[in-house]
Amino acid sequence: MKRQLATLLLASTVTLLAGAAHADPAQTAPQGLTREQVRADLYKSFLNGTTAADEKTSYPSPASDRAELSAQRIKEAHVNSAYANFVQ
């Protein structure tokens, strides 16, 4: 009798845990940014010269040529049609 009760208790616990693991993540996770918003933010940081790759050698102080780099990238973005979706 004890063995059957233990087996039943174990099976119900496993079933509850499996059901919780398969819960819909869209219902439990808070809404974040859309893919387009993230791409736009990354592009803005690229134009500003504030990406991780740009600050790799100068962290924690900003790079001394950040303004020059930013101006150069913005100029290129206006000339190059590949950037047309982002530049206003």
PDB file of N, CA and C in Angstrom:
ATOM      1  N   MET A   1       0.821  -1.187   0.000  1.00  0.00           N
ATOM      2  CA  MET A   1       0.000   0.000   0.000  1.00  0.00           C
ATOM      3  C   MET A   1       0.872   1.261   0.000  1.00  0.00           C
ATOM      4  N   LYS A   2       1.916   1.265   0.822  1.00  0.00           N
ATOM      5  CA  LYS A   2       2.805   2.425   0.876  1.00  0.00           C
ATOM      6  C   LYS A   2       3.533   2.613  -0.450  1.00  0.00           C
ATOM      7  N   ARG A   3       3.874   1.493  -1.075  1.00  0.00           N
ATOM      8  CA  ARG A   3       4.587   1.578  -2.345  1.00  0.00           C
ATOM      9  C   ARG A   3       3.690   2.174  -3.428  1.00  0.00           C
ATOM     10  N   GLN A   4       2.432   1.794  -3.465  1.00  0.00           N
ATOM     11  CA  GLN A   4       1.498   2.332  -4.443  1.00  0.00           C
ATOM     12  C   GLN A   4       1.266   3.831  -4.206  1.00  0.00           C
ATOM     13  N   LEU A   5       1.156   4.212  -2.933  1.00  0.00           N
ATOM     14  CA  LEU A   5       0.956   5.620  -2.600  1.00  0.00           C
ATOM     15  C   LEU A   5       2.178   6.457  -3.000  1.00  0.00           C
ATOM     16  N   ALA A   6       3.372   5.932  -2.753  1.00  0.00           N
ATOM     17  CA  ALA A   6       4.593   6.635  -3.120  1.00  0.00           C
ATOM     18  C   ALA A   6       4.697   6.766  -4.641  1.00  0.00           C
ATOM     19  N   THR A   7       4.343   5.715  -5.366  1.00  0.00           N
ATOM     20  CA  THR A   7       4.378   5.748  -6.824  1.00  0.00           C
ATOM     21  C   THR A   7       3.375   6.760  -7.372  1.00  0.00           C
ATOM     22  N   LEU A   8       2.184   6.773  -6.808  1.00  0.00           N
ATOM     23  CA  LEU A   8       1.160   7.722  -7.226  1.00  0.00           C
ATOM     24  C   LEU A   8       1.598   9.161  -6.939  1.00  0.00           C
ATOM     25  N   LEU A   9       2.178   9.393  -5.788  1.00  0.00           N
ATOM     26  CA  LEU A   9       2.654  10.720  -5.418  1.00  0.00           C
ATOM     27  C   LEU A   9       3.789  11.171  -6.348  1.00  0.00           C
ATOM     28  N   LEU A  10       4.704  10.279  -6.655  1.00  0.00           N
ATOM     29  CA  LEU A  10       5.809  10.591  -7.550  1.00  0.00           C
ATOM     30  C   LEU A  10       5.295  10.885  -8.962  1.00  0.00           C
ATOM     31  N   ALA A  11       4.362  10.089  -9.438  1.00  0.00           N
ATOM     32  CA  ALA A  11       3.822  10.291 -10.786  1.00  0.00           C
ATOM     33  C   ALA A  11       3.070  11.618 -10.880  1.00  0.00           C
ATOM     34  N   SER A  12       2.315  11.973  -9.858  1.00  0.00           N
ATOM     35  CA  SER A  12       1.588  13.241  -9.906  1.00  0.00           C
ATOM     36  C   SER A  12       2.540  14.431  -9.832  1.00  0.00           C
ATOM     37  N   THR A  13       3.607  14.305  -9.071  1.00  0.00           N
ATOM     38  CA  THR A  13       4.601  15.379  -8.982  1.00  0.00           C
ATOM     39  C   THR A  13       5.292  15.571 -10.325  1.00  0.00           C
ATOM     40  N   VAL A  14       5.678  14.495 -10.967  1.00  0.00           N
ATOM     41  CA  VAL A  14       6.336  14.572 -12.268  1.00  0.00           C
ATOM     42  C   VAL A  14       5.388  15.177 -13.300  1.00  0.00           C
ATOM     43  N   THR A  15       4.124  14.810 -13.250  1.00  0.00           N
ATOM     44  CA  THR A  15       3.136  15.356 -14.187  1.00  0.00           C
ATOM     45  C   THR A  15       2.966  16.853 -13.991  1.00  0.00           C
ATOM     46  N   LEU A  16       2.904  17.310 -12.758  1.00  0.00           N
ATOM     47  CA  LEU A  16       2.776  18.742 -12.498  1.00  0.00           C
ATOM     48  C   LEU A  16       4.003  19.515 -12.960  1.00  0.00           C
ATOM     49  N   LEU A  17       5.184  18.978 -12.705  1.00  0.00           N
ATOM     50  CA  LEU A  17       6.409  19.646 -13.135  1.00  0.00           C
ATOM     51  C   LEU A  17       6.525  19.682 -14.656  1.00  0.00           C
ATOM     52  N   ALA A  18       6.128  18.609 -15.318  1.00  0.00           N
ATOM     53  CA  ALA A  18       6.183  18.580 -16.777  1.00  0.00           C
ATOM     54  C   ALA A  18       5.191  19.581 -17.363  1.00  0.00           C
ATOM     55  N   GLY A  19       4.029  19.704 -16.759  1.00  0.00           N
ATOM     56  CA  GLY A  19       3.045  20.678 -17.237  1.00  0.00           C
ATOM     57  C   GLY A  19       3.539  22.099 -17.058  1.00  0.00           C
ATOM     58  N   ALA A  20       4.210  22.389 -15.971  1.00  0.00           N
ATOM     59  CA  ALA A  20       4.748  23.729 -15.733  1.00  0.00           C
ATOM     60  C   ALA A  20       5.899  24.033 -16.691  1.00  0.00           C
ATOM     61  N   ALA A  21       6.668  23.028 -17.065  1.00  0.00           N
ATOM     62  CA  ALA A  21       7.789  23.228 -17.978  1.00  0.00           C
ATOM     63  C   ALA A  21       7.311  23.546 -19.386  1.00  0.00           C
ATOM     64  N   HIS A  22       6.131  23.056 -19.739  1.00  0.00           N
ATOM     65  CA  HIS A  22       5.596  23.289 -21.077  1.00  0.00           C
ATOM     66  C   HIS A  22       4.601  24.440 -21.110  1.00  0.00           C
ATOM     67  N   ALA A  23       4.615  25.281 -20.112  1.00  0.00           N
ATOM     68  CA  ALA A  23       3.710  26.442 -20.106  1.00  0.00           C
ATOM     69  C   ALA A  23       4.082  27.374 -21.250  1.00  0.00           C
ATOM     70  N   ASP A  24       3.118  28.083 -21.760  1.00  0.00           N
ATOM     71  CA  ASP A  24       3.335  28.992 -22.877  1.00  0.00           C
ATOM     72  C   ASP A  24       4.216  30.147 -22.426  1.00  0.00           C
ATOM     73  N   PRO A  25       5.444  30.277 -22.970  1.00  0.00           N
ATOM     74  CA  PRO A  25       6.343  31.341 -22.527  1.00  0.00           C
ATOM     75  C   PRO A  25       5.819  32.724 -22.875  1.00  0.00           C
ATOM     76  N   ALA A  26       4.966  32.839 -23.886  1.00  0.00           N
ATOM     77  CA  ALA A  26       4.422  34.147 -24.251  1.00  0.00           C
ATOM     78  C   ALA A  26       3.509  34.683 -23.157  1.00  0.00           C
ATOM     79  N   GLN A  27       2.886  33.792 -22.418  1.00  0.00           N
ATOM     80  CA  GLN A  27       2.006  34.227 -21.345  1.00  0.00           C
ATOM     81  C   GLN A  27       2.776  34.563 -20.077  1.00  0.00           C
ATOM     82  N   THR A  28       3.906  33.902 -19.869  1.00  0.00           N
ATOM     83  CA  THR A  28       4.642  34.108 -18.631  1.00  0.00           C
ATOM     84  C   THR A  28       5.712  35.192 -18.747  1.00  0.00           C
ATOM     85  N   ALA A  29       6.276  35.378 -19.943  1.00  0.00           N
ATOM     86  CA  ALA A  29       7.352  36.355 -20.112  1.00  0.00           C
ATOM     87  C   ALA A  29       6.768  37.745 -20.373  1.00  0.00           C
ATOM     88  N   PRO A  30       7.376  38.766 -19.802  1.00  0.00           N
ATOM     89  CA  PRO A  30       6.903  40.128 -20.090  1.00  0.00           C
ATOM     90  C   PRO A  30       7.230  40.505 -21.535  1.00  0.00           C
ATOM     91  N   GLN A  31       6.442  41.384 -22.089  1.00  0.00           N
ATOM     92  CA  GLN A  31       6.663  41.813 -23.472  1.00  0.00           C
ATOM     93  C   GLN A  31       7.919  42.677 -23.545  1.00  0.00           C
ATOM     94  N   GLY A  32       8.747  42.388 -24.504  1.00  0.00           N
ATOM     95  CA  GLY A  32       9.988  43.146 -24.685  1.00  0.00           C
ATOM     96  C   GLY A  32       9.931  43.951 -25.961  1.00  0.00           C
ATOM     97  N   LEU A  33      11.091  44.235 -26.488  1.00  0.00           N
ATOM     98  CA  LEU A  33      11.188  44.991 -27.721  1.00  0.00           C
ATOM     99  C   LEU A  33      10.933  44.086 -28.920  1.00  0.00           C
ATOM    100  N   THR A  34      10.447  44.680 -29.992  1.00  0.00           N
ATOM    101  CA  THR A  34      10.268  43.910 -31.214  1.00  0.00           C
ATOM    102  C   THR A  34      11.614  43.785 -31.916  1.00  0.00           C
ATOM    103  N   ARG A  35      11.673  42.911 -32.886  1.00  0.00           N
ATOM    104  CA  ARG A  35      12.901  42.699 -33.637  1.00  0.00           C
ATOM    105  C   ARG A  35      13.332  43.974 -34.346  1.00  0.00           C
ATOM    106  N   GLU A  36      12.372  44.689 -34.915  1.00  0.00           N
ATOM    107  CA  GLU A  36      12.694  45.935 -35.615  1.00  0.00           C
ATOM    108  C   GLU A  36      13.220  47.002 -34.656  1.00  0.00           C
ATOM    109  N   GLN A  37      12.670  47.064 -33.440  1.00  0.00           N
ATOM    110  CA  GLN A  37      13.161  48.028 -32.453  1.00  0.00           C
ATOM    111  C   GLN A  37      14.595  47.715 -32.052  1.00  0.00           C
ATOM    112  N   VAL A  38      14.907  46.455 -31.891  1.00  0.00           N
ATOM    113  CA  VAL A  38      16.268  46.051 -31.526  1.00  0.00           C
ATOM    114  C   VAL A  38      17.232  46.381 -32.656  1.00  0.00           C
ATOM    115  N   ARG A  39      16.831  46.081 -33.904  1.00  0.00           N
ATOM    116  CA  ARG A  39      17.684  46.403 -35.044  1.00  0.00           C
ATOM    117  C   ARG A  39      17.923  47.909 -35.146  1.00  0.00           C
ATOM    118  N   ALA A  40      16.871  48.694 -34.910  1.00  0.00           N
ATOM    119  CA  ALA A  40      17.021  50.151 -34.972  1.00  0.00           C
ATOM    120  C   ALA A  40      17.961  50.649 -33.874  1.00  0.00           C
ATOM    121  N   ASP A  41      17.839  50.097 -32.667  1.00  0.00           N
ATOM    122  CA  ASP A  41      18.732  50.488 -31.565  1.00  0.00           C
ATOM    123  C   ASP A  41      20.188  50.127 -31.866  1.00  0.00           C
ATOM    124  N   LEU A  42      20.398  48.940 -32.415  1.00  0.00           N
ATOM    125  CA  LEU A  42      21.755  48.529 -32.775  1.00  0.00           C
ATOM    126  C   LEU A  42      22.328  49.419 -33.865  1.00  0.00           C
ATOM    127  N   TYR A  43      21.495  49.788 -34.821  1.00  0.00           N
ATOM    128  CA  TYR A  43      21.964  50.654 -35.892  1.00  0.00           C
ATOM    129  C   TYR A  43      22.306  52.047 -35.364  1.00  0.00           C
ATOM    130  N   LYS A  44      21.483  52.566 -34.447  1.00  0.00           N
ATOM    131  CA  LYS A  44      21.775  53.873 -33.855  1.00  0.00           C
ATOM    132  C   LYS A  44      23.096  53.841 -33.096  1.00  0.00           C
ATOM    133  N   SER A  45      23.323  52.769 -32.364  1.00  0.00           N
ATOM    134  CA  SER A  45      24.583  52.680 -31.618  1.00  0.00           C
ATOM    135  C   SER A  45      25.767  52.518 -32.572  1.00  0.00           C
ATOM    136  N   PHE A  46      25.546  51.856 -33.707  1.00  0.00           N
ATOM    137  CA  PHE A  46      26.599  51.759 -34.719  1.00  0.00           C
ATOM    138  C   PHE A  46      26.934  53.142 -35.266  1.00  0.00           C
ATOM    139  N   LEU A  47      25.893  53.923 -35.581  1.00  0.00           N
ATOM    140  CA  LEU A  47      26.131  55.265 -36.112  1.00  0.00           C
ATOM    141  C   LEU A  47      26.793  56.177 -35.079  1.00  0.00           C
ATOM    142  N   ASN A  48      26.446  55.995 -33.806  1.00  0.00           N
ATOM    143  CA  ASN A  48      27.025  56.822 -32.743  1.00  0.00           C
ATOM    144  C   ASN A  48      28.430  56.382 -32.346  1.00  0.00           C
ATOM    145  N   GLY A  49      28.823  55.186 -32.771  1.00  0.00           N
ATOM    146  CA  GLY A  49      30.137  54.673 -32.387  1.00  0.00           C
ATOM    147  C   GLY A  49      30.157  54.148 -30.966  1.00  0.00           C
ATOM    148  N   THR A  50      29.029  53.625 -30.498  1.00  0.00           N
ATOM    149  CA  THR A  50      28.955  53.146 -29.114  1.00  0.00           C
ATOM    150  C   THR A  50      28.712  51.646 -29.017  1.00  0.00           C
ATOM    151  N   THR A  51      29.085  50.889 -30.039  1.00  0.00           N
ATOM    152  CA  THR A  51      28.942  49.441 -29.941  1.00  0.00           C
ATOM    153  C   THR A  51      30.083  48.867 -29.108  1.00  0.00           C
ATOM    154  N   ALA A  52      29.936  47.623 -28.707  1.00  0.00           N
ATOM    155  CA  ALA A  52      30.974  46.985 -27.896  1.00  0.00           C
ATOM    156  C   ALA A  52      32.288  46.893 -28.661  1.00  0.00           C
ATOM    157  N   ALA A  53      32.208  46.651 -29.958  1.00  0.00           N
ATOM    158  CA  ALA A  53      33.431  46.559 -30.763  1.00  0.00           C
ATOM    159  C   ALA A  53      34.130  47.911 -30.839  1.00  0.00           C
ATOM    160  N   ASP A  54      33.351  48.996 -30.873  1.00  0.00           N
ATOM    161  CA  ASP A  54      33.952  50.333 -30.935  1.00  0.00           C
ATOM    162  C   ASP A  54      34.660  50.697 -29.637  1.00  0.00           C
ATOM    163  N   GLU A  55      34.149  50.218 -28.519  1.00  0.00           N
ATOM    164  CA  GLU A  55      34.705  50.578 -27.223  1.00  0.00           C
ATOM    165  C   GLU A  55      35.599  49.485 -26.634  1.00  0.00           C
ATOM    166  N   LYS A  56      35.937  48.531 -27.445  1.00  0.00           N
ATOM    167  CA  LYS A  56      36.732  47.390 -26.980  1.00  0.00           C
ATOM    168  C   LYS A  56      38.075  47.814 -26.393  1.00  0.00           C
ATOM    169  N   THR A  57      38.721  48.778 -27.013  1.00  0.00           N
ATOM    170  CA  THR A  57      40.052  49.163 -26.561  1.00  0.00           C
ATOM    171  C   THR A  57      40.058  50.400 -25.675  1.00  0.00           C
ATOM    172  N   SER A  58      38.911  51.092 -25.568  1.00  0.00           N
ATOM    173  CA  SER A  58      38.913  52.343 -24.815  1.00  0.00           C
ATOM    174  C   SER A  58      38.058  52.316 -23.551  1.00  0.00           C
ATOM    175  N   TYR A  59      37.391  51.191 -23.252  1.00  0.00           N
ATOM    176  CA  TYR A  59      36.526  51.133 -22.073  1.00  0.00           C
ATOM    177  C   TYR A  59      37.357  51.333 -20.817  1.00  0.00           C
ATOM    178  N   PRO A  60      36.933  52.044 -19.820  1.00  0.00           N
ATOM    179  CA  PRO A  60      35.639  52.654 -19.526  1.00  0.00           C
ATOM    180  C   PRO A  60      35.491  54.079 -20.051  1.00  0.00           C
ATOM    181  N   SER A  61      36.552  54.720 -20.512  1.00  0.00           N
ATOM    182  CA  SER A  61      36.400  56.071 -21.053  1.00  0.00           C
ATOM    183  C   SER A  61      36.060  55.961 -22.541  1.00  0.00           C
ATOM    184  N   PRO A  62      35.265  56.884 -23.070  1.00  0.00           N
ATOM    185  CA  PRO A  62      34.876  56.795 -24.482  1.00  0.00           C
ATOM    186  C   PRO A  62      36.079  56.993 -25.400  1.00  0.00           C
ATOM    187  N   ALA A  63      35.939  56.448 -26.568  1.00  0.00           N
ATOM    188  CA  ALA A  63      37.010  56.589 -27.555  1.00  0.00           C
ATOM    189  C   ALA A  63      37.188  58.053 -27.926  1.00  0.00           C
ATOM    190  N   SER A  64      38.425  58.464 -28.151  1.00  0.00           N
ATOM    191  CA  SER A  64      38.696  59.869 -28.446  1.00  0.00           C
ATOM    192  C   SER A  64      38.191  60.279 -29.825  1.00  0.00           C
ATOM    193  N   ASP A  65      38.053  59.318 -30.726  1.00  0.00           N
ATOM    194  CA  ASP A  65      37.610  59.634 -32.076  1.00  0.00           C
ATOM    195  C   ASP A  65      36.133  59.293 -32.309  1.00  0.00           C
ATOM    196  N   ARG A  66      35.343  59.194 -31.248  1.00  0.00           N
ATOM    197  CA  ARG A  66      33.946  58.798 -31.379  1.00  0.00           C
ATOM    198  C   ARG A  66      33.166  59.771 -32.261  1.00  0.00           C
ATOM    199  N   ALA A  67      33.363  61.072 -32.100  1.00  0.00           N
ATOM    200  CA  ALA A  67      32.626  62.055 -32.897  1.00  0.00           C
ATOM    201  C   ALA A  67      33.007  61.947 -34.369  1.00  0.00           C
ATOM    202  N   GLU A  68      34.286  61.767 -34.623  1.00  0.00           N
ATOM    203  CA  GLU A  68      34.748  61.629 -36.010  1.00  0.00           C
ATOM    204  C   GLU A  68      34.203  60.350 -36.638  1.00  0.00           C
ATOM    205  N   LEU A  69      34.258  59.276 -35.895  1.00  0.00           N
ATOM    206  CA  LEU A  69      33.734  57.996 -36.370  1.00  0.00           C
ATOM    207  C   LEU A  69      32.239  58.084 -36.647  1.00  0.00           C
ATOM    208  N   SER A  70      31.507  58.727 -35.747  1.00  0.00           N
ATOM    209  CA  SER A  70      30.071  58.898 -35.911  1.00  0.00           C
ATOM    210  C   SER A  70      29.749  59.714 -37.162  1.00  0.00           C
ATOM    211  N   ALA A  71      30.456  60.810 -37.363  1.00  0.00           N
ATOM    212  CA  ALA A  71      30.226  61.643 -38.546  1.00  0.00           C
ATOM    213  C   ALA A  71      30.536  60.877 -39.827  1.00  0.00           C
ATOM    214  N   GLN A  72      31.581  60.085 -39.788  1.00  0.00           N
ATOM    215  CA  GLN A  72      31.970  59.297 -40.953  1.00  0.00           C
ATOM    216  C   GLN A  72      30.902  58.251 -41.281  1.00  0.00           C
ATOM    217  N   ARG A  73      30.383  57.585 -40.275  1.00  0.00           N
ATOM    218  CA  ARG A  73      29.360  56.557 -40.494  1.00  0.00           C
ATOM    219  C   ARG A  73      28.042  57.170 -40.960  1.00  0.00           C
ATOM    220  N   ILE A  74      27.671  58.307 -40.413  1.00  0.00           N
ATOM    221  CA  ILE A  74      26.431  58.963 -40.829  1.00  0.00           C
ATOM    222  C   ILE A  74      26.538  59.412 -42.284  1.00  0.00           C
ATOM    223  N   LYS A  75      27.694  59.953 -42.664  1.00  0.00           N
ATOM    224  CA  LYS A  75      27.911  60.376 -44.050  1.00  0.00           C
ATOM    225  C   LYS A  75      27.807  59.173 -44.981  1.00  0.00           C
ATOM    226  N   GLU A  76      28.416  58.076 -44.614  1.00  0.00           N
ATOM    227  CA  GLU A  76      28.356  56.862 -45.424  1.00  0.00           C
ATOM    228  C   GLU A  76      26.923  56.332 -45.505  1.00  0.00           C
ATOM    229  N   ALA A  77      26.177  56.444 -44.436  1.00  0.00           N
ATOM    230  CA  ALA A  77      24.797  55.962 -44.422  1.00  0.00           C
ATOM    231  C   ALA A  77      23.926  56.752 -45.384  1.00  0.00           C
ATOM    232  N   HIS A  78      24.174  58.032 -45.536  1.00  0.00           N
ATOM    233  CA  HIS A  78      23.397  58.851 -46.463  1.00  0.00           C
ATOM    234  C   HIS A  78      23.762  58.565 -47.912  1.00  0.00           C
ATOM    235  N   VAL A  79      24.983  58.126 -48.158  1.00  0.00           N
ATOM    236  CA  VAL A  79      25.440  57.857 -49.516  1.00  0.00           C
ATOM    237  C   VAL A  79      25.076  56.442 -49.955  1.00  0.00           C
ATOM    238  N   ASN A  80      25.209  55.489 -49.057  1.00  0.00           N
ATOM    239  CA  ASN A  80      25.021  54.078 -49.380  1.00  0.00           C
ATOM    240  C   ASN A  80      23.549  53.704 -49.277  1.00  0.00           C
ATOM    241  N   SER A  81      22.989  53.126 -50.319  1.00  0.00           N
ATOM    242  CA  SER A  81      21.562  52.777 -50.333  1.00  0.00           C
ATOM    243  C   SER A  81      21.241  51.603 -49.406  1.00  0.00           C
ATOM    244  N   ALA A  82      22.233  50.855 -48.960  1.00  0.00           N
ATOM    245  CA  ALA A  82      21.986  49.735 -48.057  1.00  0.00           C
ATOM    246  C   ALA A  82      21.472  50.213 -46.704  1.00  0.00           C
ATOM    247  N   TYR A  83      21.757  51.473 -46.373  1.00  0.00           N
ATOM    248  CA  TYR A  83      21.330  52.041 -45.102  1.00  0.00           C
ATOM    249  C   TYR A  83      19.999  52.770 -45.196  1.00  0.00           C
ATOM    250  N   ALA A  84      19.340  52.726 -46.327  1.00  0.00           N
ATOM    251  CA  ALA A  84      18.146  53.533 -46.586  1.00  0.00           C
ATOM    252  C   ALA A  84      17.000  53.244 -45.613  1.00  0.00           C
ATOM    253  N   ASN A  85      16.911  52.045 -45.099  1.00  0.00           N
ATOM    254  CA  ASN A  85      15.823  51.703 -44.183  1.00  0.00           C
ATOM    255  C   ASN A  85      15.959  52.395 -42.830  1.00  0.00           C
ATOM    256  N   PHE A  86      17.157  52.813 -42.486  1.00  0.00           N
ATOM    257  CA  PHE A  86      17.394  53.344 -41.155  1.00  0.00           C
ATOM    258  C   PHE A  86      17.566  54.856 -41.105  1.00  0.00           C
ATOM    259  N   VAL A  87      18.078  55.430 -42.143  1.00  0.00           N
ATOM    260  CA  VAL A  87      18.381  56.854 -42.146  1.00  0.00           C
ATOM    261  C   VAL A  87      17.123  57.638 -42.466  1.00  0.00           C
ATOM    262  N   GLN A  88      16.868  58.695 -41.698  1.00  0.00           N
ATOM    263  CA  GLN A  88      15.687  59.528 -41.930  1.00  0.00           C
ATOM    264  C   GLN A  88      16.085  60.869 -42.479  1.00  0.00           C
TER     265      GLN A  88
END
